[in-house]
Every structure is written in structure tokens, then in C-alpha cells.
Amino acid sequence: MQTYAKQKQIHISSRKLGLICDLIRGKNVIEVQKILFNLDKKGAKIISKLLNSAVANATNNFNMNINALYVLNAIADQGTTIKRTLEKAKGSASLLRKRHSHLTITVSDNKNDKLDQHKKISGKSKQIKKYIVNNKVIEANKKLPQIKINHNQMPNVETPIEKVSQKKEIEIAAKIEKQEENK
């Protein structure tokens, strides 16, 4: 079974919370509490409080075992952005963005849930990637065509000399001397 806890309009950017969410996603609740206690970030304290709330919801409302609980998902979404100005030199001003975020933590005690939904895929990675081969657009999930290379058209490139043992160097030097004597 899954339970969750939400907190909205937290005065910290979602990017900072997202880094911590990536640390705790998919781990046991007791292990996550140890990680958050030792983490020296502002968001760690916020996430720790929300995690305790989600665990309390699970144990009190649904009688779940705290030892079996793990963080199924932790998501930090972007909230409102308050725009303010800061005075600069010569009468100009710059824009300050005071960012907020929404945080959702889902805990579960079912191991099958972990297999289905361990990490959420962001929107950018859901897009189908396309490649251009021979002026044709091909999607990434399709098999790419084999490109035939004509080795006759390839330019000759000198390869670096391989390392040779001392015995072979002596043999090669002896062959070169014999060829020079014969000329």
C-alpha cells in the first residue's frame, strides 16, 4: 500500500530539493532518516519533516510496519516565483527571483511497487530521439540502417609504429643492413 505527504509553497528552489530527492528515492525509511540527519543542506531538514509526516500517515492510518517502509517516490515540483528588484549602480535595477516549490513524498511497504515505479522519467527523456542518416530522419526506437563503407575511397593513413621487443629490433636492423649490402 502507498501513502504520501505533500507540502506546498516551500521557500526553496525545486532544483535544490530535487538533488536531495534523488538521494533518497528507493531507499528504506530508516536509512533515509540517517542520510537526511547527516546531510548539511537546508532542504534536508524540510524533507526530513515531510518524511516523518508520511511515515506517521502510514503507521497511524494504515497500520503499516515502519521497518518495511521505503521511499517509493520523492518529487520536487516548481511552485510560484515572486519577482522583486534590486537597485544597482547608476539608477538601474536587476531582477530577483524568489523561487518556491511543492514537495511530495510517497512511501510504500509493497516490494512490487518498487519494481514498477522506482524513478520517474522526466518529460525530456520521454521524447523520441531522432537521428539524421543520409538525409533521412530515423527515430531512435527503430533499427538504424547499415552504412556500407568503400575502403578503396578511404585515404591511406599512416599508423603509429607498434612497440617491438629488442630481439625483433635487432632482426629488423639486420635485414635492413643486408638489403643495403646487396645494393
C-alpha atoms as a PDB file:
ATOM      1  CA  MET A   1       0.000   0.000   0.000  1.00  0.00           C
ATOM      2  CA  GLN A   2       1.165   3.542  -0.690  1.00  0.00           C
ATOM      3  CA  THR A   3       0.735   6.727   1.319  1.00  0.00           C
ATOM      4  CA  TYR A   4       2.038  10.175   0.700  1.00  0.00           C
ATOM      5  CA  ALA A   5       2.546  13.593   2.239  1.00  0.00           C
ATOM      6  CA  LYS A   6       2.580  16.931   0.408  1.00  0.00           C
ATOM      7  CA  GLN A   7       3.872  20.352   1.270  1.00  0.00           C
ATOM      8  CA  LYS A   8       3.322  23.355  -0.954  1.00  0.00           C
ATOM      9  CA  GLN A   9       4.955  26.778  -1.299  1.00  0.00           C
ATOM     10  CA  ILE A  10       8.259  25.910   0.374  1.00  0.00           C
ATOM     11  CA  HIS A  11      10.647  28.865   0.091  1.00  0.00           C
ATOM     12  CA  ILE A  12      13.498  26.978  -1.616  1.00  0.00           C
ATOM     13  CA  SER A  13      14.048  26.248  -5.288  1.00  0.00           C
ATOM     14  CA  SER A  14      12.894  22.920  -6.662  1.00  0.00           C
ATOM     15  CA  ARG A  15      16.355  22.317  -8.124  1.00  0.00           C
ATOM     16  CA  LYS A  16      17.932  22.266  -4.647  1.00  0.00           C
ATOM     17  CA  LEU A  17      15.221  19.953  -3.287  1.00  0.00           C
ATOM     18  CA  GLY A  18      15.464  17.719  -6.347  1.00  0.00           C
ATOM     19  CA  LEU A  19      19.090  16.880  -5.610  1.00  0.00           C
ATOM     20  CA  ILE A  20      18.132  15.592  -2.180  1.00  0.00           C
ATOM     21  CA  CYS A  21      15.103  13.733  -3.580  1.00  0.00           C
ATOM     22  CA  ASP A  22      17.417  11.856  -5.940  1.00  0.00           C
ATOM     23  CA  LEU A  23      19.483  10.732  -2.940  1.00  0.00           C
ATOM     24  CA  ILE A  24      16.591   9.230  -1.008  1.00  0.00           C
ATOM     25  CA  ARG A  25      14.404   7.756  -3.748  1.00  0.00           C
ATOM     26  CA  GLY A  26      14.015   3.967  -3.489  1.00  0.00           C
ATOM     27  CA  LYS A  27      15.712   3.572  -0.083  1.00  0.00           C
ATOM     28  CA  ASN A  28      14.488   2.284   3.274  1.00  0.00           C
ATOM     29  CA  VAL A  29      12.884   4.941   5.521  1.00  0.00           C
ATOM     30  CA  ILE A  30      15.254   4.339   8.443  1.00  0.00           C
ATOM     31  CA  GLU A  31      18.272   4.624   6.143  1.00  0.00           C
ATOM     32  CA  VAL A  32      16.837   7.812   4.606  1.00  0.00           C
ATOM     33  CA  GLN A  33      16.401   9.406   8.032  1.00  0.00           C
ATOM     34  CA  LYS A  34      20.087   8.747   8.770  1.00  0.00           C
ATOM     35  CA  ILE A  35      21.094  10.261   5.430  1.00  0.00           C
ATOM     36  CA  LEU A  36      18.988  13.375   5.958  1.00  0.00           C
ATOM     37  CA  PHE A  37      20.269  13.836   9.522  1.00  0.00           C
ATOM     38  CA  ASN A  38      23.880  13.897   8.308  1.00  0.00           C
ATOM     39  CA  LEU A  39      23.236  15.996   5.201  1.00  0.00           C
ATOM     40  CA  ASP A  40      24.270  19.634   5.569  1.00  0.00           C
ATOM     41  CA  LYS A  41      21.651  21.323   3.389  1.00  0.00           C
ATOM     42  CA  LYS A  42      18.613  23.484   4.109  1.00  0.00           C
ATOM     43  CA  GLY A  43      16.343  21.170   2.108  1.00  0.00           C
ATOM     44  CA  ALA A  44      17.347  18.113   4.158  1.00  0.00           C
ATOM     45  CA  LYS A  45      15.550  19.437   7.248  1.00  0.00           C
ATOM     46  CA  ILE A  46      12.411  20.217   5.206  1.00  0.00           C
ATOM     47  CA  ILE A  47      12.370  16.790   3.550  1.00  0.00           C
ATOM     48  CA  SER A  48      13.010  15.092   6.891  1.00  0.00           C
ATOM     49  CA  LYS A  49       9.918  16.727   8.432  1.00  0.00           C
ATOM     50  CA  LEU A  50       7.765  15.750   5.456  1.00  0.00           C
ATOM     51  CA  LEU A  51       9.121  12.197   5.513  1.00  0.00           C
ATOM     52  CA  ASN A  52       8.206  11.899   9.196  1.00  0.00           C
ATOM     53  CA  SER A  53       4.691  13.065   8.304  1.00  0.00           C
ATOM     54  CA  ALA A  54       4.382  10.460   5.537  1.00  0.00           C
ATOM     55  CA  VAL A  55       5.622   7.713   7.891  1.00  0.00           C
ATOM     56  CA  ALA A  56       3.130   8.838  10.551  1.00  0.00           C
ATOM     57  CA  ASN A  57       0.323   8.679   7.970  1.00  0.00           C
ATOM     58  CA  ALA A  58       1.374   5.135   7.033  1.00  0.00           C
ATOM     59  CA  THR A  59       1.723   3.792  10.568  1.00  0.00           C
ATOM     60  CA  ASN A  60      -1.279   5.501  12.203  1.00  0.00           C
ATOM     61  CA  ASN A  61      -3.826   5.481   9.377  1.00  0.00           C
ATOM     62  CA  PHE A  62      -2.982   2.245   7.578  1.00  0.00           C
ATOM     63  CA  ASN A  63      -1.149   0.184  10.264  1.00  0.00           C
ATOM     64  CA  MET A  64       1.966  -0.335   8.115  1.00  0.00           C
ATOM     65  CA  ASN A  65       5.193  -1.638   9.612  1.00  0.00           C
ATOM     66  CA  ILE A  66       7.843   1.109   9.793  1.00  0.00           C
ATOM     67  CA  ASN A  67      10.662  -1.391   9.158  1.00  0.00           C
ATOM     68  CA  ALA A  68       9.120  -2.421   5.831  1.00  0.00           C
ATOM     69  CA  LEU A  69       8.561   1.145   4.586  1.00  0.00           C
ATOM     70  CA  TYR A  70      10.705   2.688   1.877  1.00  0.00           C
ATOM     71  CA  VAL A  71      10.553   5.907  -0.133  1.00  0.00           C
ATOM     72  CA  LEU A  72       8.776   4.962  -3.337  1.00  0.00           C
ATOM     73  CA  ASN A  73       8.924   8.421  -4.855  1.00  0.00           C
ATOM     74  CA  ALA A  74      10.106  11.883  -3.884  1.00  0.00           C
ATOM     75  CA  ILE A  75       9.240  14.735  -6.237  1.00  0.00           C
ATOM     76  CA  ALA A  76      10.102  18.414  -6.007  1.00  0.00           C
ATOM     77  CA  ASP A  77       7.974  20.462  -8.411  1.00  0.00           C
ATOM     78  CA  GLN A  78       8.320  24.129  -9.200  1.00  0.00           C
ATOM     79  CA  GLY A  79       5.983  26.465  -7.344  1.00  0.00           C
ATOM     80  CA  THR A  80       5.345  30.169  -7.733  1.00  0.00           C
ATOM     81  CA  THR A  81       8.180  32.595  -8.391  1.00  0.00           C
ATOM     82  CA  ILE A  82       7.969  36.010  -6.758  1.00  0.00           C
ATOM     83  CA  LYS A  83       9.794  38.706  -8.711  1.00  0.00           C
ATOM     84  CA  ARG A  84      11.471  41.582  -6.922  1.00  0.00           C
ATOM     85  CA  THR A  85      14.004  44.196  -7.991  1.00  0.00           C
ATOM     86  CA  LEU A  86      17.385  45.090  -6.553  1.00  0.00           C
ATOM     87  CA  GLU A  87      18.823  48.546  -7.020  1.00  0.00           C
ATOM     88  CA  LYS A  88      22.094  48.738  -8.944  1.00  0.00           C
ATOM     89  CA  ALA A  89      24.531  51.454  -9.875  1.00  0.00           C
ATOM     90  CA  LYS A  90      23.544  54.497 -11.976  1.00  0.00           C
ATOM     91  CA  GLY A  91      19.834  54.124 -11.316  1.00  0.00           C
ATOM     92  CA  SER A  92      19.453  50.697 -12.887  1.00  0.00           C
ATOM     93  CA  ALA A  93      17.880  47.617 -11.302  1.00  0.00           C
ATOM     94  CA  SER A  94      18.178  43.857 -11.619  1.00  0.00           C
ATOM     95  CA  LEU A  95      15.500  41.222 -11.225  1.00  0.00           C
ATOM     96  CA  LEU A  96      15.477  38.883  -8.212  1.00  0.00           C
ATOM     97  CA  ARG A  97      13.510  35.662  -8.463  1.00  0.00           C
ATOM     98  CA  LYS A  98      12.362  34.238  -5.143  1.00  0.00           C
ATOM     99  CA  ARG A  99      11.509  30.667  -6.030  1.00  0.00           C
ATOM    100  CA  HIS A 100       9.128  28.303  -4.240  1.00  0.00           C
ATOM    101  CA  SER A 101       8.498  24.600  -4.697  1.00  0.00           C
ATOM    102  CA  HIS A 102       5.986  21.845  -3.992  1.00  0.00           C
ATOM    103  CA  LEU A 103       7.268  18.641  -2.399  1.00  0.00           C
ATOM    104  CA  THR A 104       5.593  15.216  -2.475  1.00  0.00           C
ATOM    105  CA  ILE A 105       6.962  12.110  -0.755  1.00  0.00           C
ATOM    106  CA  THR A 106       5.344   8.715  -1.318  1.00  0.00           C
ATOM    107  CA  VAL A 107       6.158   5.762   0.965  1.00  0.00           C
ATOM    108  CA  SER A 108       5.204   2.149   0.418  1.00  0.00           C
ATOM    109  CA  ASP A 109       5.634  -1.251   2.059  1.00  0.00           C
ATOM    110  CA  ASN A 110       4.997  -3.363  -1.053  1.00  0.00           C
ATOM    111  CA  LYS A 111       8.169  -4.531  -2.837  1.00  0.00           C
ATOM    112  CA  ASN A 112       6.316  -4.950  -6.147  1.00  0.00           C
ATOM    113  CA  ASP A 113       5.671  -1.203  -6.277  1.00  0.00           C
ATOM    114  CA  LYS A 114       9.410  -0.614  -6.244  1.00  0.00           C
ATOM    115  CA  LEU A 115       9.845  -2.566  -9.466  1.00  0.00           C
ATOM    116  CA  ASP A 116       7.080  -0.638 -11.235  1.00  0.00           C
ATOM    117  CA  GLN A 117       7.926   2.888 -10.188  1.00  0.00           C
ATOM    118  CA  HIS A 118      11.402   3.419  -8.765  1.00  0.00           C
ATOM    119  CA  LYS A 119      12.308   6.584 -10.618  1.00  0.00           C
ATOM    120  CA  LYS A 120      10.008   8.889 -12.520  1.00  0.00           C
ATOM    121  CA  ILE A 121      11.084   9.736 -16.037  1.00  0.00           C
ATOM    122  CA  SER A 122      11.305  13.435 -16.732  1.00  0.00           C
ATOM    123  CA  GLY A 123       9.489  14.916 -19.702  1.00  0.00           C
ATOM    124  CA  LYS A 124      12.618  15.465 -21.762  1.00  0.00           C
ATOM    125  CA  SER A 125      13.644  11.809 -21.721  1.00  0.00           C
ATOM    126  CA  LYS A 126      10.142  10.726 -22.827  1.00  0.00           C
ATOM    127  CA  GLN A 127      10.607  12.488 -26.160  1.00  0.00           C
ATOM    128  CA  ILE A 128      11.514  10.254 -29.078  1.00  0.00           C
ATOM    129  CA  LYS A 129      15.044  10.921 -30.165  1.00  0.00           C
ATOM    130  CA  LYS A 130      15.640  11.252 -33.884  1.00  0.00           C
ATOM    131  CA  TYR A 131      18.785  10.838 -35.909  1.00  0.00           C
ATOM    132  CA  ILE A 132      19.564  12.041 -39.407  1.00  0.00           C
ATOM    133  CA  VAL A 133      21.206   9.399 -41.590  1.00  0.00           C
ATOM    134  CA  ASN A 134      21.725  10.019 -45.326  1.00  0.00           C
ATOM    135  CA  ASN A 135      19.308  12.990 -45.236  1.00  0.00           C
ATOM    136  CA  LYS A 136      16.533  10.809 -43.747  1.00  0.00           C
ATOM    137  CA  VAL A 137      15.053  11.240 -40.258  1.00  0.00           C
ATOM    138  CA  ILE A 138      15.035   7.985 -38.275  1.00  0.00           C
ATOM    139  CA  GLU A 139      13.523   7.520 -34.799  1.00  0.00           C
ATOM    140  CA  ALA A 140      15.744   6.026 -32.095  1.00  0.00           C
ATOM    141  CA  ASN A 141      13.473   3.065 -31.396  1.00  0.00           C
ATOM    142  CA  LYS A 142      13.787   1.893 -34.996  1.00  0.00           C
ATOM    143  CA  LYS A 143      16.801  -0.035 -36.180  1.00  0.00           C
ATOM    144  CA  LEU A 144      19.431   2.134 -37.843  1.00  0.00           C
ATOM    145  CA  PRO A 145      20.381   1.113 -41.383  1.00  0.00           C
ATOM    146  CA  GLN A 146      23.796  -0.352 -42.025  1.00  0.00           C
ATOM    147  CA  ILE A 147      26.102   2.068 -43.804  1.00  0.00           C
ATOM    148  CA  LYS A 148      28.467   0.430 -46.279  1.00  0.00           C
ATOM    149  CA  ILE A 149      31.968   1.859 -46.408  1.00  0.00           C
ATOM    150  CA  ASN A 150      34.046   1.550 -49.537  1.00  0.00           C
ATOM    151  CA  HIS A 151      37.605   1.033 -48.324  1.00  0.00           C
ATOM    152  CA  ASN A 152      39.022   1.973 -51.734  1.00  0.00           C
ATOM    153  CA  GLN A 153      37.796   5.537 -51.263  1.00  0.00           C
ATOM    154  CA  MET A 154      39.270   5.782 -47.781  1.00  0.00           C
ATOM    155  CA  PRO A 155      42.520   7.771 -47.617  1.00  0.00           C
ATOM    156  CA  ASN A 156      45.653   5.936 -46.582  1.00  0.00           C
ATOM    157  CA  VAL A 157      46.605   6.887 -43.080  1.00  0.00           C
ATOM    158  CA  GLU A 158      49.931   6.030 -41.519  1.00  0.00           C
ATOM    159  CA  THR A 159      49.541   4.076 -38.328  1.00  0.00           C
ATOM    160  CA  PRO A 160      51.911   4.631 -35.433  1.00  0.00           C
ATOM    161  CA  ILE A 161      54.763   2.172 -35.097  1.00  0.00           C
ATOM    162  CA  GLU A 162      53.964  -0.588 -32.669  1.00  0.00           C
ATOM    163  CA  LYS A 163      56.275  -1.278 -29.780  1.00  0.00           C
ATOM    164  CA  VAL A 164      58.684  -4.004 -30.747  1.00  0.00           C
ATOM    165  CA  SER A 165      60.824  -6.112 -28.482  1.00  0.00           C
ATOM    166  CA  GLN A 166      64.637  -5.763 -28.578  1.00  0.00           C
ATOM    167  CA  LYS A 167      65.076  -9.094 -30.375  1.00  0.00           C
ATOM    168  CA  LYS A 168      62.775  -8.005 -33.192  1.00  0.00           C
ATOM    169  CA  GLU A 169      64.536  -4.653 -33.424  1.00  0.00           C
ATOM    170  CA  ILE A 170      67.877  -6.456 -33.891  1.00  0.00           C
ATOM    171  CA  GLU A 171      66.357  -8.754 -36.540  1.00  0.00           C
ATOM    172  CA  ILE A 172      64.826  -5.799 -38.418  1.00  0.00           C
ATOM    173  CA  ALA A 173      68.109  -3.888 -38.271  1.00  0.00           C
ATOM    174  CA  ALA A 174      69.982  -6.947 -39.608  1.00  0.00           C
ATOM    175  CA  LYS A 175      67.536  -7.273 -42.538  1.00  0.00           C
ATOM    176  CA  ILE A 176      67.956  -3.584 -43.416  1.00  0.00           C
ATOM    177  CA  GLU A 177      71.773  -3.938 -43.358  1.00  0.00           C
ATOM    178  CA  LYS A 178      71.647  -6.989 -45.658  1.00  0.00           C
ATOM    179  CA  GLN A 179      69.392  -5.134 -48.111  1.00  0.00           C
ATOM    180  CA  GLU A 180      71.829  -2.177 -48.159  1.00  0.00           C
ATOM    181  CA  GLU A 181      74.824  -4.511 -48.716  1.00  0.00           C
ATOM    182  CA  ASN A 182      73.078  -6.205 -51.642  1.00  0.00           C
ATOM    183  CA  LYS A 183      72.526  -2.881 -53.377  1.00  0.00           C
END
